N, C-alpha and C. Protein backbone atom coordinates (compact mmCIF):
# COMPACT_ATOMS: atom_id res chain seq x y z
N MET A 1 0.71 -1.40 0.00
CA MET A 1 0.12 0.09 0.14
C MET A 1 0.78 1.14 -0.01
N ARG A 2 0.42 2.36 -0.86
CA ARG A 2 1.35 3.67 -0.77
C ARG A 2 1.01 4.43 -0.13
N VAL A 3 1.53 5.42 0.80
CA VAL A 3 0.94 6.35 1.36
C VAL A 3 1.20 7.66 0.45
N LEU A 4 0.03 8.40 0.67
CA LEU A 4 0.28 9.92 -1.01
C LEU A 4 0.01 10.58 0.36
N GLY A 5 0.81 12.00 0.51
CA GLY A 5 0.82 12.88 1.24
C GLY A 5 -0.17 13.67 0.88
N LEU A 6 -0.86 14.51 1.58
CA LEU A 6 -1.85 15.36 1.61
C LEU A 6 -1.28 16.95 0.96
N PRO A 7 -2.21 17.37 0.01
CA PRO A 7 -1.77 18.24 -0.31
C PRO A 7 -1.29 19.42 0.74
N ARG A 8 -0.46 20.40 0.19
CA ARG A 8 -0.70 21.73 1.74
C ARG A 8 -1.36 22.42 1.20
N GLN A 9 -1.73 22.74 2.46
CA GLN A 9 -2.84 24.04 2.59
C GLN A 9 -2.77 25.73 2.02
N ILE A 10 -3.33 25.78 0.71
CA ILE A 10 -2.85 26.92 0.34
C ILE A 10 -3.80 28.46 1.25
N SER A 11 -3.24 29.02 1.66
CA SER A 11 -3.75 30.01 2.77
C SER A 11 -4.21 31.11 1.59
N VAL A 12 -5.28 31.42 2.36
CA VAL A 12 -6.07 33.07 1.81
C VAL A 12 -5.33 33.84 2.37
N PRO A 13 -4.80 35.31 1.06
CA PRO A 13 -4.36 36.00 1.63
C PRO A 13 -5.22 37.47 2.41
N ASN A 14 -4.92 37.55 3.43
CA ASN A 14 -5.44 38.47 4.23
C ASN A 14 -5.55 39.54 3.78
N ASP A 15 -6.44 40.55 4.10
CA ASP A 15 -6.31 42.18 4.08
C ASP A 15 -5.19 42.81 3.64
N TYR A 16 -4.36 42.96 4.97
CA TYR A 16 -3.18 43.41 4.89
C TYR A 16 -2.23 43.06 3.76
N SER A 17 -2.05 41.66 3.60
CA SER A 17 -0.83 41.20 2.89
C SER A 17 -1.38 41.78 1.18
N LEU A 18 -2.62 41.88 0.90
CA LEU A 18 -3.36 42.16 -0.43
C LEU A 18 -3.07 43.70 -0.57
N LYS A 19 -3.30 44.03 0.06
CA LYS A 19 -3.13 45.67 0.16
C LYS A 19 -1.71 46.08 -0.01
N LYS A 20 -0.85 45.37 0.60
CA LYS A 20 0.56 45.32 0.70
C LYS A 20 1.23 44.95 -1.21
N LYS A 21 0.24 44.20 -1.89
CA LYS A 21 0.66 43.65 -3.03
C LYS A 21 0.07 44.85 -4.05
N LEU A 22 -0.75 45.31 -3.60
CA LEU A 22 -1.87 46.14 -4.48
C LEU A 22 -1.15 47.76 -4.06
N ARG A 23 -0.02 47.92 -3.86
CA ARG A 23 0.34 49.18 -3.73
C ARG A 23 0.61 50.01 -4.57
N ARG A 24 0.17 50.98 -4.45
CA ARG A 24 0.78 52.28 -5.96
C ARG A 24 1.76 52.51 -5.65
N ARG A 25 2.59 52.39 -6.69
CA ARG A 25 4.18 53.01 -6.19
C ARG A 25 4.18 54.00 -7.65
N ILE A 26 4.61 55.58 -6.94
CA ILE A 26 4.65 56.69 -8.29
C ILE A 26 5.80 57.23 -8.22
N ASN A 27 6.19 57.46 -9.25
CA ASN A 27 8.02 58.28 -9.24
C ASN A 27 7.67 59.05 -9.93
N SER A 28 7.75 60.50 -9.90
CA SER A 28 7.95 61.77 -10.82
C SER A 28 8.88 62.23 -10.66
N VAL A 29 9.02 63.30 -12.10
CA VAL A 29 10.28 63.94 -12.21
C VAL A 29 9.73 65.52 -12.81
N VAL A 30 10.53 66.19 -12.09
CA VAL A 30 9.79 67.35 -12.60
C VAL A 30 11.02 68.26 -13.09
N ALA A 31 10.65 68.68 -14.12
CA ALA A 31 11.35 69.67 -14.92
C ALA A 31 11.68 71.26 -14.33
N GLY A 32 12.49 72.12 -13.85
CA GLY A 32 12.04 73.15 -13.69
C GLY A 32 12.59 73.70 -12.52
N ASN A 33 11.77 75.02 -12.07
CA ASN A 33 12.81 75.07 -10.30
C ASN A 33 11.41 75.25 -9.62
N SER A 34 11.78 75.48 -8.29
CA SER A 34 10.18 75.63 -7.40
C SER A 34 9.12 76.83 -7.61
N ARG A 35 9.06 77.52 -8.59
CA ARG A 35 8.27 78.91 -9.05
C ARG A 35 7.89 77.85 -10.24
N SER A 36 8.03 77.08 -11.04
CA SER A 36 7.58 76.82 -12.57
C SER A 36 5.93 76.20 -12.24
N LYS A 37 5.44 76.69 -13.24
CA LYS A 37 4.11 76.02 -13.18
C LYS A 37 4.61 74.32 -13.79
N LEU A 38 3.61 73.77 -12.95
CA LEU A 38 3.34 71.84 -13.76
C LEU A 38 2.63 71.71 -14.54
N SER A 39 2.81 71.58 -15.89
CA SER A 39 2.26 70.99 -16.66
C SER A 39 2.48 69.94 -17.62
N ASP A 40 1.93 68.94 -18.48
CA ASP A 40 2.14 67.93 -19.14
C ASP A 40 3.79 68.39 -19.92
N ASN A 41 4.45 69.37 -20.19
CA ASN A 41 5.90 69.82 -20.37
C ASN A 41 6.85 69.65 -19.51
N ASN A 42 6.52 69.65 -18.64
CA ASN A 42 8.02 69.63 -17.16
C ASN A 42 7.12 68.69 -16.51
N VAL A 43 6.29 67.91 -16.44
CA VAL A 43 6.47 66.68 -15.20
C VAL A 43 6.27 65.30 -15.89
N TRP A 44 6.59 64.13 -15.41
CA TRP A 44 6.85 62.93 -15.53
C TRP A 44 6.44 62.39 -14.54
N SER A 45 5.18 61.14 -14.83
CA SER A 45 5.12 60.37 -13.48
C SER A 45 5.00 59.13 -14.03
N PHE A 46 5.61 58.21 -13.16
CA PHE A 46 5.62 56.90 -13.39
C PHE A 46 4.99 56.21 -12.55
N VAL A 47 3.99 55.48 -12.77
CA VAL A 47 3.10 54.50 -11.93
C VAL A 47 3.06 52.97 -12.14
N TRP A 48 3.06 52.26 -10.91
CA TRP A 48 3.16 50.70 -11.29
C TRP A 48 2.32 50.25 -9.75
N THR A 49 2.15 48.94 -9.60
CA THR A 49 1.75 48.29 -8.33
C THR A 49 2.96 47.50 -8.17
N GLU A 50 2.84 46.90 -6.78
CA GLU A 50 3.52 46.28 -6.14
C GLU A 50 3.37 44.56 -6.78
N ALA A 51 2.13 44.67 -7.38
CA ALA A 51 2.17 43.08 -8.52
C ALA A 51 3.01 42.93 -9.20
N ASP A 52 3.03 44.30 -10.04
CA ASP A 52 3.91 44.40 -11.16
C ASP A 52 5.27 44.43 -11.01
N ARG A 53 5.83 44.75 -9.77
CA ARG A 53 6.97 45.08 -9.75
C ARG A 53 7.32 46.07 -8.49
N PRO A 54 8.47 45.48 -7.40
CA PRO A 54 8.51 46.21 -6.36
C PRO A 54 9.46 47.55 -6.70
N LYS A 55 9.47 48.58 -6.23
CA LYS A 55 10.05 50.02 -6.27
C LYS A 55 11.44 49.83 -5.40
N SER A 56 12.63 49.57 -6.37
CA SER A 56 14.12 49.97 -5.91
C SER A 56 14.64 50.87 -6.66
N SER A 57 15.90 51.07 -6.46
CA SER A 57 16.65 51.94 -7.08
C SER A 57 16.79 51.90 -8.38
N ASN A 58 16.66 50.92 -9.51
CA ASN A 58 16.38 50.64 -10.66
C ASN A 58 15.54 51.01 -11.34
N GLU A 59 14.45 51.31 -10.95
CA GLU A 59 13.27 51.64 -11.39
C GLU A 59 13.20 53.16 -10.89
N ILE A 60 13.81 53.91 -9.95
CA ILE A 60 14.07 55.39 -9.76
C ILE A 60 15.16 55.85 -10.92
N ALA A 61 16.10 54.78 -11.20
CA ALA A 61 17.32 55.44 -11.98
C ALA A 61 16.61 55.59 -13.74
N SER A 62 16.09 54.37 -13.87
CA SER A 62 15.21 54.22 -15.00
C SER A 62 13.96 55.57 -15.47
N GLY A 63 13.37 55.89 -14.64
CA GLY A 63 12.81 56.39 -14.75
C GLY A 63 13.30 58.08 -15.05
N VAL A 64 14.41 58.50 -14.32
CA VAL A 64 15.24 59.54 -14.31
C VAL A 64 15.72 59.71 -15.49
N TYR A 65 16.18 58.27 -16.10
CA TYR A 65 17.32 58.47 -17.33
C TYR A 65 16.36 58.79 -18.71
N HIS A 66 14.77 58.06 -18.62
CA HIS A 66 14.41 58.17 -19.70
C HIS A 66 13.75 59.51 -19.84
N VAL A 67 13.48 60.45 -18.41
CA VAL A 67 13.49 61.93 -18.67
C VAL A 67 14.30 62.61 -19.04
N LEU A 68 15.82 62.70 -18.64
CA LEU A 68 16.96 62.86 -19.30
C LEU A 68 17.43 62.85 -20.74
N SER A 69 16.96 61.48 -20.73
CA SER A 69 17.21 61.09 -22.96
C SER A 69 16.14 61.80 -23.59
N ASN A 70 14.94 61.90 -23.10
CA ASN A 70 14.10 62.99 -23.85
C ASN A 70 13.83 64.38 -23.48
N PHE A 71 14.61 64.68 -22.68
CA PHE A 71 14.08 66.27 -22.37
C PHE A 71 14.99 67.15 -23.79
N GLU A 72 14.01 67.81 -24.20
CA GLU A 72 15.01 68.76 -25.29
C GLU A 72 15.17 70.19 -24.58
N TYR A 73 16.88 70.05 -24.64
CA TYR A 73 17.79 70.89 -23.99
C TYR A 73 18.09 72.11 -25.36
N SER A 74 17.72 73.15 -24.42
CA SER A 74 18.22 74.49 -24.93
C SER A 74 19.89 74.26 -25.26
N GLU A 75 20.48 75.21 -26.62
CA GLU A 75 21.66 75.32 -26.55
C GLU A 75 21.98 76.42 -25.20
N ASN A 76 21.93 76.95 -24.74
CA ASN A 76 22.48 77.52 -23.61
C ASN A 76 22.74 77.20 -21.93
N ILE A 77 21.77 75.81 -22.26
CA ILE A 77 21.65 74.59 -20.90
C ILE A 77 23.22 73.89 -20.92
N THR A 78 24.31 74.20 -20.31
CA THR A 78 25.38 73.39 -20.23
C THR A 78 25.52 72.63 -18.96
N ALA A 79 24.63 72.67 -18.12
CA ALA A 79 24.63 71.79 -16.90
C ALA A 79 23.29 71.16 -16.40
N VAL A 80 23.10 70.09 -15.69
CA VAL A 80 22.47 69.57 -15.27
C VAL A 80 22.22 69.53 -13.79
N ARG A 81 21.24 70.24 -13.26
CA ARG A 81 21.77 69.73 -11.74
C ARG A 81 19.69 69.10 -11.12
N LEU A 82 20.30 68.20 -10.37
CA LEU A 82 19.16 66.91 -9.90
C LEU A 82 19.14 67.40 -8.54
N PHE A 83 17.94 67.43 -8.06
CA PHE A 83 18.03 67.46 -6.53
C PHE A 83 17.38 65.97 -6.14
N TYR A 84 17.81 65.03 -5.16
CA TYR A 84 17.39 63.78 -5.05
C TYR A 84 16.79 63.87 -3.95
N ASP A 85 15.74 63.47 -3.59
CA ASP A 85 15.30 63.45 -2.39
C ASP A 85 15.71 61.59 -1.54
N GLY A 86 15.63 62.11 -0.26
CA GLY A 86 15.98 60.92 0.91
C GLY A 86 15.25 59.60 0.79
N CYS A 87 14.48 59.07 -0.10
CA CYS A 87 13.50 58.08 -0.10
C CYS A 87 14.08 56.73 0.07
N GLY A 88 14.04 55.72 0.47
CA GLY A 88 14.54 54.50 0.95
C GLY A 88 15.02 53.55 -0.20
N GLU A 89 13.99 53.88 -0.81
CA GLU A 89 14.39 53.41 -2.53
C GLU A 89 15.93 53.41 -2.87
N GLN A 90 16.16 54.76 -2.44
CA GLN A 90 16.90 55.48 -3.33
C GLN A 90 18.08 55.56 -2.98
N ASN A 91 18.13 54.51 -1.46
CA ASN A 91 19.24 54.61 -0.98
C ASN A 91 20.74 53.81 -1.68
N LYS A 92 20.67 53.16 -2.45
CA LYS A 92 21.74 52.60 -3.65
C LYS A 92 22.44 53.87 -4.14
N ASN A 93 22.65 54.75 -3.87
CA ASN A 93 22.75 56.02 -4.48
C ASN A 93 24.33 55.40 -5.80
N SER A 94 25.16 54.53 -5.84
CA SER A 94 25.65 54.16 -6.57
C SER A 94 24.87 53.67 -8.09
N THR A 95 23.50 53.26 -7.84
CA THR A 95 23.14 52.57 -8.83
C THR A 95 22.65 54.29 -9.98
N PHE A 96 22.12 55.30 -9.07
CA PHE A 96 21.61 56.34 -9.47
C PHE A 96 23.01 57.26 -10.30
N MET A 97 23.93 57.30 -9.68
CA MET A 97 25.42 58.33 -9.99
C MET A 97 25.76 57.23 -11.20
N GLY A 98 25.54 55.95 -11.39
CA GLY A 98 26.39 55.13 -12.20
C GLY A 98 25.30 55.58 -13.43
N MET A 99 24.01 55.83 -13.24
CA MET A 99 23.23 56.09 -14.61
C MET A 99 23.59 57.39 -15.26
N LEU A 100 23.36 58.39 -14.16
CA LEU A 100 23.74 59.63 -14.55
C LEU A 100 25.14 60.02 -15.14
N CYS A 101 26.32 59.04 -14.75
CA CYS A 101 27.47 59.37 -15.10
C CYS A 101 27.06 58.43 -16.62
N ASN A 102 27.02 57.50 -16.90
CA ASN A 102 26.24 57.01 -18.42
C ASN A 102 25.46 57.63 -18.97
N TRP A 103 25.14 58.42 -18.60
CA TRP A 103 23.88 59.35 -19.25
C TRP A 103 24.95 60.32 -20.05
N LEU A 104 25.78 60.87 -18.67
CA LEU A 104 26.54 62.32 -19.13
C LEU A 104 27.45 61.88 -20.34
N TYR A 105 28.07 60.84 -20.05
CA TYR A 105 29.02 60.01 -20.89
C TYR A 105 28.43 59.72 -22.31
N CYS A 106 27.31 59.17 -22.57
CA CYS A 106 26.77 58.46 -23.72
C CYS A 106 25.57 59.05 -24.43
N SER A 107 24.94 60.05 -23.51
CA SER A 107 23.83 60.08 -24.15
C SER A 107 23.39 61.72 -24.12
N ALA A 108 23.82 62.64 -23.29
CA ALA A 108 23.59 63.96 -22.86
C ALA A 108 23.87 65.00 -24.44
N PRO A 109 23.50 65.94 -24.95
CA PRO A 109 23.43 66.39 -26.05
C PRO A 109 25.38 66.91 -25.60
N PRO A 110 25.40 67.54 -26.94
CA PRO A 110 27.32 67.69 -26.58
C PRO A 110 27.54 69.24 -25.71
N HIS A 111 26.44 70.11 -25.56
CA HIS A 111 26.73 71.19 -24.89
C HIS A 111 26.30 71.41 -23.38
N VAL A 112 25.71 70.03 -22.80
CA VAL A 112 25.25 69.61 -21.76
C VAL A 112 27.11 69.21 -21.28
N LYS A 113 27.93 69.80 -20.32
CA LYS A 113 29.20 69.12 -20.18
C LYS A 113 29.01 69.26 -18.71
N GLN A 114 28.11 69.13 -17.83
CA GLN A 114 28.42 69.25 -16.23
C GLN A 114 26.97 68.74 -15.90
N SER A 115 27.20 67.87 -14.78
CA SER A 115 26.00 67.39 -14.01
C SER A 115 25.99 67.52 -12.56
N GLU A 116 25.09 68.17 -11.64
CA GLU A 116 25.41 68.14 -10.55
C GLU A 116 24.22 67.91 -9.22
N VAL A 117 24.47 66.64 -8.65
CA VAL A 117 23.57 66.23 -7.51
C VAL A 117 23.14 66.76 -6.77
N ILE A 118 22.28 67.31 -5.60
CA ILE A 118 22.06 67.81 -4.63
C ILE A 118 21.16 66.58 -3.40
N PHE A 119 21.60 66.72 -2.64
CA PHE A 119 21.23 65.95 -1.73
C PHE A 119 20.51 66.65 -0.64
N PRO A 120 19.21 67.24 -0.71
CA PRO A 120 18.79 68.31 0.15
C PRO A 120 18.91 67.49 1.81
N VAL A 121 18.48 68.48 2.98
CA VAL A 121 18.66 67.70 4.45
C VAL A 121 17.04 66.85 4.67
N VAL A 122 17.65 66.01 5.29
CA VAL A 122 16.72 65.06 5.53
C VAL A 122 15.07 65.50 6.03
N GLY A 123 13.69 64.81 6.01
CA GLY A 123 12.81 65.50 6.12
C GLY A 123 12.01 66.12 4.76
N ASN A 124 11.21 66.82 5.13
CA ASN A 124 10.06 67.39 3.83
C ASN A 124 11.25 68.45 3.08
N SER A 125 11.49 68.44 1.83
CA SER A 125 12.24 68.89 1.04
C SER A 125 11.43 70.09 0.30
N TYR A 126 10.03 69.96 0.28
CA TYR A 126 9.24 70.84 -0.70
C TYR A 126 9.88 70.87 -2.18
N LEU A 127 10.10 70.00 -2.03
CA LEU A 127 10.63 69.90 -3.78
C LEU A 127 9.35 69.99 -4.82
N PRO A 128 9.17 70.50 -5.93
CA PRO A 128 8.43 70.19 -6.88
C PRO A 128 7.69 69.35 -7.11
N HIS A 129 8.25 68.27 -7.27
CA HIS A 129 7.24 66.88 -7.12
C HIS A 129 6.58 66.43 -6.36
N GLY A 130 6.67 66.82 -5.11
CA GLY A 130 5.45 66.59 -4.06
C GLY A 130 4.03 67.22 -4.67
N ARG A 131 4.49 68.35 -5.07
CA ARG A 131 2.85 68.76 -5.85
C ARG A 131 2.11 67.95 -7.28
N ALA A 132 3.06 67.29 -7.44
CA ALA A 132 2.77 66.48 -9.03
C ALA A 132 1.93 65.06 -8.60
N PHE A 133 1.59 64.66 -7.31
CA PHE A 133 1.45 63.70 -7.09
C PHE A 133 -0.64 63.57 -7.04
N GLY A 134 -0.93 64.78 -7.40
CA GLY A 134 -2.75 64.57 -7.43
C GLY A 134 -2.99 63.97 -7.84
N ILE A 135 -2.88 62.67 -8.86
CA ILE A 135 -3.11 61.79 -9.78
C ILE A 135 -4.36 61.58 -9.94
C-alpha cells in the first residue's frame, strides 16, 4: 500500500497582505524650479503596483534616465542639476550615480558638459514633485 501526502493547504491572503501587494508606486520627475508651473511638458510620472514590480533604485534610476534622454535641452543649458530626495528606495546612490555618469558620457547633448546632484537635508524638502502627486 502506498501512502500519499496530503496537499499543502493554500492560505488565503488577508486584507493586509493583499493591500501590500496592490500598493501603488509613483515616481515623479519635474523639470524646472520651485516656481515653475506644473504642466504636461515638465512633469513625468511613472506609476505601477507592487504586483507588477517592487520599487527599487533601478526603477528610480530608469525613470530619471528616461526623462534626461527625452528632454529637449536648449543650447544655453550646459549643466544639469538634480535634486535627489532621501526616499528609502534611493539609498543605493551608486545605481543612480552610475546611471547619471552613463547618461552624461553617452547620451547627453554635446553642449551639456556637467551634472550636479544635490541631496537635501532629511525631512520634507518641499520639492516641486510633491505637488505632482494629485493624480
